PDB file of N, CA and C in Angstrom:
ATOM      1  N   UNK A   1     -18.103 -14.612  -0.235  1.00  0.00           N
ATOM      2  CA  UNK A   1     -17.113 -13.547  -0.367  1.00  0.00           C
ATOM      3  C   UNK A   1     -16.369 -13.723  -1.688  1.00  0.00           C
ATOM      4  N   UNK A   2     -16.151 -12.636  -2.387  1.00  0.00           N
ATOM      5  CA  UNK A   2     -15.458 -12.715  -3.666  1.00  0.00           C
ATOM      6  C   UNK A   2     -13.949 -12.801  -3.452  1.00  0.00           C
ATOM      7  N   UNK A   3     -13.281 -13.321  -4.460  1.00  0.00           N
ATOM      8  CA  UNK A   3     -11.828 -13.408  -4.425  1.00  0.00           C
ATOM      9  C   UNK A   3     -11.248 -12.046  -4.784  1.00  0.00           C
ATOM     10  N   UNK A   4     -10.285 -11.602  -4.016  1.00  0.00           N
ATOM     11  CA  UNK A   4      -9.653 -10.314  -4.279  1.00  0.00           C
ATOM     12  C   UNK A   4      -8.528 -10.478  -5.289  1.00  0.00           C
ATOM     13  N   UNK A   5      -8.349  -9.480  -6.132  1.00  0.00           N
ATOM     14  CA  UNK A   5      -7.237  -9.446  -7.073  1.00  0.00           C
ATOM     15  C   UNK A   5      -6.184  -8.519  -6.484  1.00  0.00           C
ATOM     16  N   UNK A   6      -5.062  -9.101  -6.079  1.00  0.00           N
ATOM     17  CA  UNK A   6      -4.004  -8.340  -5.418  1.00  0.00           C
ATOM     18  C   UNK A   6      -3.050  -7.773  -6.463  1.00  0.00           C
ATOM     19  N   UNK A   7      -2.616  -6.537  -6.240  1.00  0.00           N
ATOM     20  CA  UNK A   7      -1.664  -5.871  -7.121  1.00  0.00           C
ATOM     21  C   UNK A   7      -0.469  -5.432  -6.289  1.00  0.00           C
ATOM     22  N   UNK A   8       0.721  -5.756  -6.774  1.00  0.00           N
ATOM     23  CA  UNK A   8       1.940  -5.357  -6.059  1.00  0.00           C
ATOM     24  C   UNK A   8       2.207  -3.873  -6.285  1.00  0.00           C
ATOM     25  N   UNK A   9       2.566  -3.183  -5.228  1.00  0.00           N
ATOM     26  CA  UNK A   9       2.892  -1.769  -5.317  1.00  0.00           C
ATOM     27  C   UNK A   9       4.058  -1.550  -6.270  1.00  0.00           C
ATOM     28  N   UNK A  10       4.005  -0.470  -7.037  1.00  0.00           N
ATOM     29  CA  UNK A  10       5.099  -0.152  -7.955  1.00  0.00           C
ATOM     30  C   UNK A  10       6.365   0.242  -7.201  1.00  0.00           C
ATOM     31  N   UNK A  11       6.258   0.547  -5.916  1.00  0.00           N
ATOM     32  CA  UNK A  11       7.427   0.868  -5.110  1.00  0.00           C
ATOM     33  C   UNK A  11       8.081  -0.380  -4.528  1.00  0.00           C
ATOM     34  N   UNK A  12       7.428  -1.530  -4.657  1.00  0.00           N
ATOM     35  CA  UNK A  12       8.002  -2.794  -4.198  1.00  0.00           C
ATOM     36  C   UNK A  12       8.927  -3.307  -5.290  1.00  0.00           C
ATOM     37  N   UNK A  13      10.159  -3.588  -4.931  1.00  0.00           N
ATOM     38  CA  UNK A  13      11.146  -3.986  -5.926  1.00  0.00           C
ATOM     39  C   UNK A  13      11.471  -5.463  -5.809  1.00  0.00           C
ATOM     40  N   UNK A  14      11.614  -6.122  -6.939  1.00  0.00           N
ATOM     41  CA  UNK A  14      12.031  -7.515  -6.970  1.00  0.00           C
ATOM     42  C   UNK A  14      10.977  -8.458  -6.438  1.00  0.00           C
ATOM     43  N   UNK A  15      11.412  -9.690  -6.200  1.00  0.00           N
ATOM     44  CA  UNK A  15      10.500 -10.733  -5.722  1.00  0.00           C
ATOM     45  C   UNK A  15      10.758 -11.056  -4.261  1.00  0.00           C
ATOM     46  N   UNK A  16      11.480 -10.202  -3.584  1.00  0.00           N
ATOM     47  CA  UNK A  16      11.826 -10.454  -2.188  1.00  0.00           C
ATOM     48  C   UNK A  16      10.657 -10.280  -1.250  1.00  0.00           C
ATOM     49  N   UNK A  17      10.970 -10.193   0.016  1.00  0.00           N
ATOM     50  CA  UNK A  17       9.940 -10.142   1.050  1.00  0.00           C
ATOM     51  C   UNK A  17       9.579  -8.718   1.455  1.00  0.00           C
ATOM     52  N   UNK A  18       9.909  -7.741   0.634  1.00  0.00           N
ATOM     53  CA  UNK A  18       9.602  -6.352   0.968  1.00  0.00           C
ATOM     54  C   UNK A  18       8.545  -5.783   0.041  1.00  0.00           C
ATOM     55  N   UNK A  19       7.484  -6.527  -0.173  1.00  0.00           N
ATOM     56  CA  UNK A  19       6.455  -6.108  -1.124  1.00  0.00           C
ATOM     57  C   UNK A  19       5.143  -5.802  -0.415  1.00  0.00           C
ATOM     58  N   UNK A  20       4.505  -4.730  -0.857  1.00  0.00           N
ATOM     59  CA  UNK A  20       3.188  -4.366  -0.362  1.00  0.00           C
ATOM     60  C   UNK A  20       2.192  -4.628  -1.483  1.00  0.00           C
ATOM     61  N   UNK A  21       1.079  -5.264  -1.134  1.00  0.00           N
ATOM     62  CA  UNK A  21       0.037  -5.589  -2.103  1.00  0.00           C
ATOM     63  C   UNK A  21      -1.252  -4.874  -1.724  1.00  0.00           C
ATOM     64  N   UNK A  22      -2.002  -4.443  -2.738  1.00  0.00           N
ATOM     65  CA  UNK A  22      -3.288  -3.776  -2.548  1.00  0.00           C
ATOM     66  C   UNK A  22      -4.362  -4.509  -3.338  1.00  0.00           C
ATOM     67  N   UNK A  23      -5.585  -4.482  -2.818  1.00  0.00           N
ATOM     68  CA  UNK A  23      -6.731  -5.052  -3.532  1.00  0.00           C
ATOM     69  C   UNK A  23      -7.962  -4.210  -3.233  1.00  0.00           C
ATOM     70  N   UNK A  24      -8.737  -3.940  -4.265  1.00  0.00           N
ATOM     71  CA  UNK A  24     -10.006  -3.227  -4.099  1.00  0.00           C
ATOM     72  C   UNK A  24     -11.119  -4.250  -3.946  1.00  0.00           C
ATOM     73  N   UNK A  25     -11.936  -4.077  -2.933  1.00  0.00           N
ATOM     74  CA  UNK A  25     -13.041  -5.002  -2.673  1.00  0.00           C
ATOM     75  C   UNK A  25     -14.332  -4.461  -3.285  1.00  0.00           C
ATOM     76  N   UNK A  26     -15.273  -5.346  -3.577  1.00  0.00           N
ATOM     77  CA  UNK A  26     -16.555  -4.920  -4.152  1.00  0.00           C
ATOM     78  C   UNK A  26     -17.332  -3.931  -3.272  1.00  0.00           C
ATOM     79  N   UNK A  27     -17.088  -3.959  -1.959  1.00  0.00           N
ATOM     80  CA  UNK A  27     -17.809  -3.045  -1.061  1.00  0.00           C
ATOM     81  C   UNK A  27     -17.188  -1.650  -1.001  1.00  0.00           C
ATOM     82  N   UNK A  28     -16.146  -1.408  -1.805  1.00  0.00           N
ATOM     83  CA  UNK A  28     -15.517  -0.093  -1.861  1.00  0.00           C
ATOM     84  C   UNK A  28     -14.331   0.078  -0.939  1.00  0.00           C
ATOM     85  N   UNK A  29     -14.022  -0.919  -0.128  1.00  0.00           N
ATOM     86  CA  UNK A  29     -12.861  -0.821   0.754  1.00  0.00           C
ATOM     87  C   UNK A  29     -11.597  -1.231   0.004  1.00  0.00           C
ATOM     88  N   UNK A  30     -10.466  -0.884   0.591  1.00  0.00           N
ATOM     89  CA  UNK A  30      -9.164  -1.238   0.041  1.00  0.00           C
ATOM     90  C   UNK A  30      -8.459  -2.107   1.069  1.00  0.00           C
ATOM     91  N   UNK A  31      -7.841  -3.182   0.612  1.00  0.00           N
ATOM     92  CA  UNK A  31      -7.116  -4.095   1.493  1.00  0.00           C
ATOM     93  C   UNK A  31      -5.633  -4.037   1.150  1.00  0.00           C
ATOM     94  N   UNK A  32      -4.796  -4.082   2.186  1.00  0.00           N
ATOM     95  CA  UNK A  32      -3.351  -4.087   2.009  1.00  0.00           C
ATOM     96  C   UNK A  32      -2.757  -5.224   2.814  1.00  0.00           C
ATOM     97  N   UNK A  33      -1.693  -5.825   2.284  1.00  0.00           N
ATOM     98  CA  UNK A  33      -0.919  -6.777   3.077  1.00  0.00           C
ATOM     99  C   UNK A  33       0.532  -6.722   2.642  1.00  0.00           C
ATOM    100  N   UNK A  34       1.399  -7.114   3.531  1.00  0.00           N
ATOM    101  CA  UNK A  34       2.840  -7.126   3.300  1.00  0.00           C
ATOM    102  C   UNK A  34       3.246  -8.563   3.033  1.00  0.00           C
ATOM    103  N   UNK A  35       4.197  -8.771   2.132  1.00  0.00           N
ATOM    104  CA  UNK A  35       4.545 -10.128   1.706  1.00  0.00           C
ATOM    105  C   UNK A  35       5.085 -10.998   2.835  1.00  0.00           C
ATOM    106  N   UNK A  36       5.679 -10.415   3.856  1.00  0.00           N
ATOM    107  CA  UNK A  36       6.166 -11.203   4.997  1.00  0.00           C
ATOM    108  C   UNK A  36       5.024 -11.783   5.824  1.00  0.00           C
ATOM    109  N   UNK A  37       3.873 -11.110   5.827  1.00  0.00           N
ATOM    110  CA  UNK A  37       2.723 -11.517   6.640  1.00  0.00           C
ATOM    111  C   UNK A  37       1.439 -11.434   5.810  1.00  0.00           C
ATOM    112  N   UNK A  38       1.288 -12.291   4.802  1.00  0.00           N
ATOM    113  CA  UNK A  38       0.135 -12.181   3.904  1.00  0.00           C
ATOM    114  C   UNK A  38      -1.217 -12.416   4.569  1.00  0.00           C
ATOM    115  N   UNK A  39      -1.246 -13.092   5.702  1.00  0.00           N
ATOM    116  CA  UNK A  39      -2.521 -13.341   6.381  1.00  0.00           C
ATOM    117  C   UNK A  39      -2.990 -12.128   7.189  1.00  0.00           C
ATOM    118  N   UNK A  40      -2.092 -11.179   7.437  1.00  0.00           N
ATOM    119  CA  UNK A  40      -2.450  -9.961   8.154  1.00  0.00           C
ATOM    120  C   UNK A  40      -2.856  -8.918   7.127  1.00  0.00           C
ATOM    121  N   UNK A  41      -4.132  -8.568   7.125  1.00  0.00           N
ATOM    122  CA  UNK A  41      -4.666  -7.666   6.109  1.00  0.00           C
ATOM    123  C   UNK A  41      -5.233  -6.419   6.779  1.00  0.00           C
ATOM    124  N   UNK A  42      -4.811  -5.276   6.290  1.00  0.00           N
ATOM    125  CA  UNK A  42      -5.326  -3.984   6.732  1.00  0.00           C
ATOM    126  C   UNK A  42      -6.451  -3.585   5.782  1.00  0.00           C
ATOM    127  N   UNK A  43      -7.597  -3.243   6.326  1.00  0.00           N
ATOM    128  CA  UNK A  43      -8.731  -2.799   5.518  1.00  0.00           C
ATOM    129  C   UNK A  43      -8.994  -1.333   5.813  1.00  0.00           C
ATOM    130  N   UNK A  44      -9.137  -0.547   4.755  1.00  0.00           N
ATOM    131  CA  UNK A  44      -9.355   0.887   4.906  1.00  0.00           C
ATOM    132  C   UNK A  44     -10.249   1.383   3.773  1.00  0.00           C
ATOM    133  N   UNK A  45     -10.459   2.671   3.744  1.00  0.00           N
ATOM    134  CA  UNK A  45     -11.234   3.276   2.661  1.00  0.00           C
ATOM    135  C   UNK A  45     -10.278   3.954   1.682  1.00  0.00           C
ATOM    136  N   UNK A  46     -10.706   4.172   0.454  1.00  0.00           N
ATOM    137  CA  UNK A  46      -9.846   4.881  -0.494  1.00  0.00           C
ATOM    138  C   UNK A  46      -9.452   6.277  -0.003  1.00  0.00           C
ATOM    139  N   UNK A  47     -10.367   6.976   0.651  1.00  0.00           N
ATOM    140  CA  UNK A  47     -10.068   8.325   1.153  1.00  0.00           C
ATOM    141  C   UNK A  47      -9.002   8.273   2.241  1.00  0.00           C
ATOM    142  N   UNK A  48      -9.136   7.355   3.185  1.00  0.00           N
ATOM    143  CA  UNK A  48      -8.148   7.237   4.262  1.00  0.00           C
ATOM    144  C   UNK A  48      -6.783   6.840   3.708  1.00  0.00           C
ATOM    145  N   UNK A  49      -6.753   5.928   2.744  1.00  0.00           N
ATOM    146  CA  UNK A  49      -5.482   5.519   2.138  1.00  0.00           C
ATOM    147  C   UNK A  49      -4.846   6.689   1.394  1.00  0.00           C
ATOM    148  N   UNK A  50      -5.637   7.443   0.656  1.00  0.00           N
ATOM    149  CA  UNK A  50      -5.111   8.606  -0.065  1.00  0.00           C
ATOM    150  C   UNK A  50      -4.538   9.636   0.904  1.00  0.00           C
ATOM    151  N   UNK A  51      -5.223   9.861   2.025  1.00  0.00           N
ATOM    152  CA  UNK A  51      -4.714  10.799   3.033  1.00  0.00           C
ATOM    153  C   UNK A  51      -3.404  10.313   3.632  1.00  0.00           C
ATOM    154  N   UNK A  52      -3.310   9.017   3.920  1.00  0.00           N
ATOM    155  CA  UNK A  52      -2.066   8.453   4.448  1.00  0.00           C
ATOM    156  C   UNK A  52      -0.934   8.628   3.445  1.00  0.00           C
ATOM    157  N   UNK A  53      -1.185   8.281   2.188  1.00  0.00           N
ATOM    158  CA  UNK A  53      -0.142   8.387   1.164  1.00  0.00           C
ATOM    159  C   UNK A  53       0.298   9.837   0.970  1.00  0.00           C
ATOM    160  N   UNK A  54      -0.659  10.752   0.985  1.00  0.00           N
ATOM    161  CA  UNK A  54      -0.332  12.177   0.840  1.00  0.00           C
ATOM    162  C   UNK A  54       0.549  12.645   2.004  1.00  0.00           C
ATOM    163  N   UNK A  55       0.221  12.230   3.218  1.00  0.00           N
ATOM    164  CA  UNK A  55       1.001  12.605   4.396  1.00  0.00           C
ATOM    165  C   UNK A  55       2.403  12.014   4.338  1.00  0.00           C
ATOM    166  N   UNK A  56       2.501  10.731   3.996  1.00  0.00           N
ATOM    167  CA  UNK A  56       3.814  10.088   3.914  1.00  0.00           C
ATOM    168  C   UNK A  56       4.672  10.700   2.819  1.00  0.00           C
ATOM    169  N   UNK A  57       4.068  10.999   1.685  1.00  0.00           N
ATOM    170  CA  UNK A  57       4.809  11.615   0.585  1.00  0.00           C
ATOM    171  C   UNK A  57       5.314  12.995   0.984  1.00  0.00           C
ATOM    172  N   UNK A  58       4.503  13.768   1.655  1.00  0.00           N
ATOM    173  CA  UNK A  58       4.913  15.104   2.087  1.00  0.00           C
ATOM    174  C   UNK A  58       6.062  15.024   3.075  1.00  0.00           C
ATOM    175  N   UNK A  59       5.996  14.097   3.998  1.00  0.00           N
ATOM    176  CA  UNK A  59       7.070  13.943   4.988  1.00  0.00           C
ATOM    177  C   UNK A  59       8.347  13.455   4.337  1.00  0.00           C
ATOM    178  N   UNK A  60       8.250  12.538   3.389  1.00  0.00           N
ATOM    179  CA  UNK A  60       9.424  12.014   2.692  1.00  0.00           C
ATOM    180  C   UNK A  60      10.070  13.105   1.859  1.00  0.00           C
ATOM    181  N   UNK A  61       9.264  13.878   1.148  1.00  0.00           N
ATOM    182  CA  UNK A  61       9.792  14.951   0.316  1.00  0.00           C
ATOM    183  C   UNK A  61      10.485  15.996   1.175  1.00  0.00           C
ATOM    184  N   UNK A  62       9.896  16.337   2.303  1.00  0.00           N
ATOM    185  CA  UNK A  62      10.483  17.322   3.203  1.00  0.00           C
ATOM    186  C   UNK A  62      11.786  16.812   3.803  1.00  0.00           C
ATOM    187  N   UNK A  63      11.818  15.543   4.172  1.00  0.00           N
ATOM    188  CA  UNK A  63      12.986  14.984   4.854  1.00  0.00           C
ATOM    189  C   UNK A  63      14.156  14.751   3.911  1.00  0.00           C
ATOM    190  N   UNK A  64      13.898  14.355   2.670  1.00  0.00           N
ATOM    191  CA  UNK A  64      14.996  13.966   1.785  1.00  0.00           C
ATOM    192  C   UNK A  64      15.170  14.876   0.584  1.00  0.00           C
ATOM    193  N   UNK A  65      14.176  15.714   0.314  1.00  0.00           N
ATOM    194  CA  UNK A  65      14.245  16.558  -0.863  1.00  0.00           C
ATOM    195  C   UNK A  65      13.921  15.804  -2.140  1.00  0.00           C
ATOM    196  N   UNK A  66      13.448  14.568  -2.013  1.00  0.00           N
ATOM    197  CA  UNK A  66      13.067  13.761  -3.174  1.00  0.00           C
ATOM    198  C   UNK A  66      11.662  13.225  -2.961  1.00  0.00           C
ATOM    199  N   UNK A  67      11.122  12.589  -3.974  1.00  0.00           N
ATOM    200  CA  UNK A  67       9.786  12.010  -3.867  1.00  0.00           C
ATOM    201  C   UNK A  67       9.806  10.591  -3.333  1.00  0.00           C
ATOM    202  N   UNK A  68      10.976  10.033  -3.133  1.00  0.00           N
ATOM    203  CA  UNK A  68      11.068   8.636  -2.723  1.00  0.00           C
ATOM    204  C   UNK A  68      12.175   8.479  -1.682  1.00  0.00           C
ATOM    205  N   UNK A  69      11.917   7.688  -0.641  1.00  0.00           N
ATOM    206  CA  UNK A  69      12.960   7.476   0.373  1.00  0.00           C
ATOM    207  C   UNK A  69      14.197   6.842  -0.239  1.00  0.00           C
ATOM    208  N   UNK A  70      15.334   7.132   0.337  1.00  0.00           N
ATOM    209  CA  UNK A  70      16.597   6.546  -0.136  1.00  0.00           C
ATOM    210  C   UNK A  70      17.039   5.440   0.767  1.00  0.00           C
TER     211      UNK A  70
END
């Protein structure tokens, strides 16, 4: 198994425990983990992740009138 290169989300601020990391795997899947629980990894596809992000962004924009939660 290859080593994954993890990238911290641009929405994660500072070095605290509220960071989300993403990594693209050679098989085309995307892996996510939260800094509080790095051993717990969610594996998904780029299409499913894009759909989730689109849905969350739409709900956040509708609820707050902004592109980012407050």
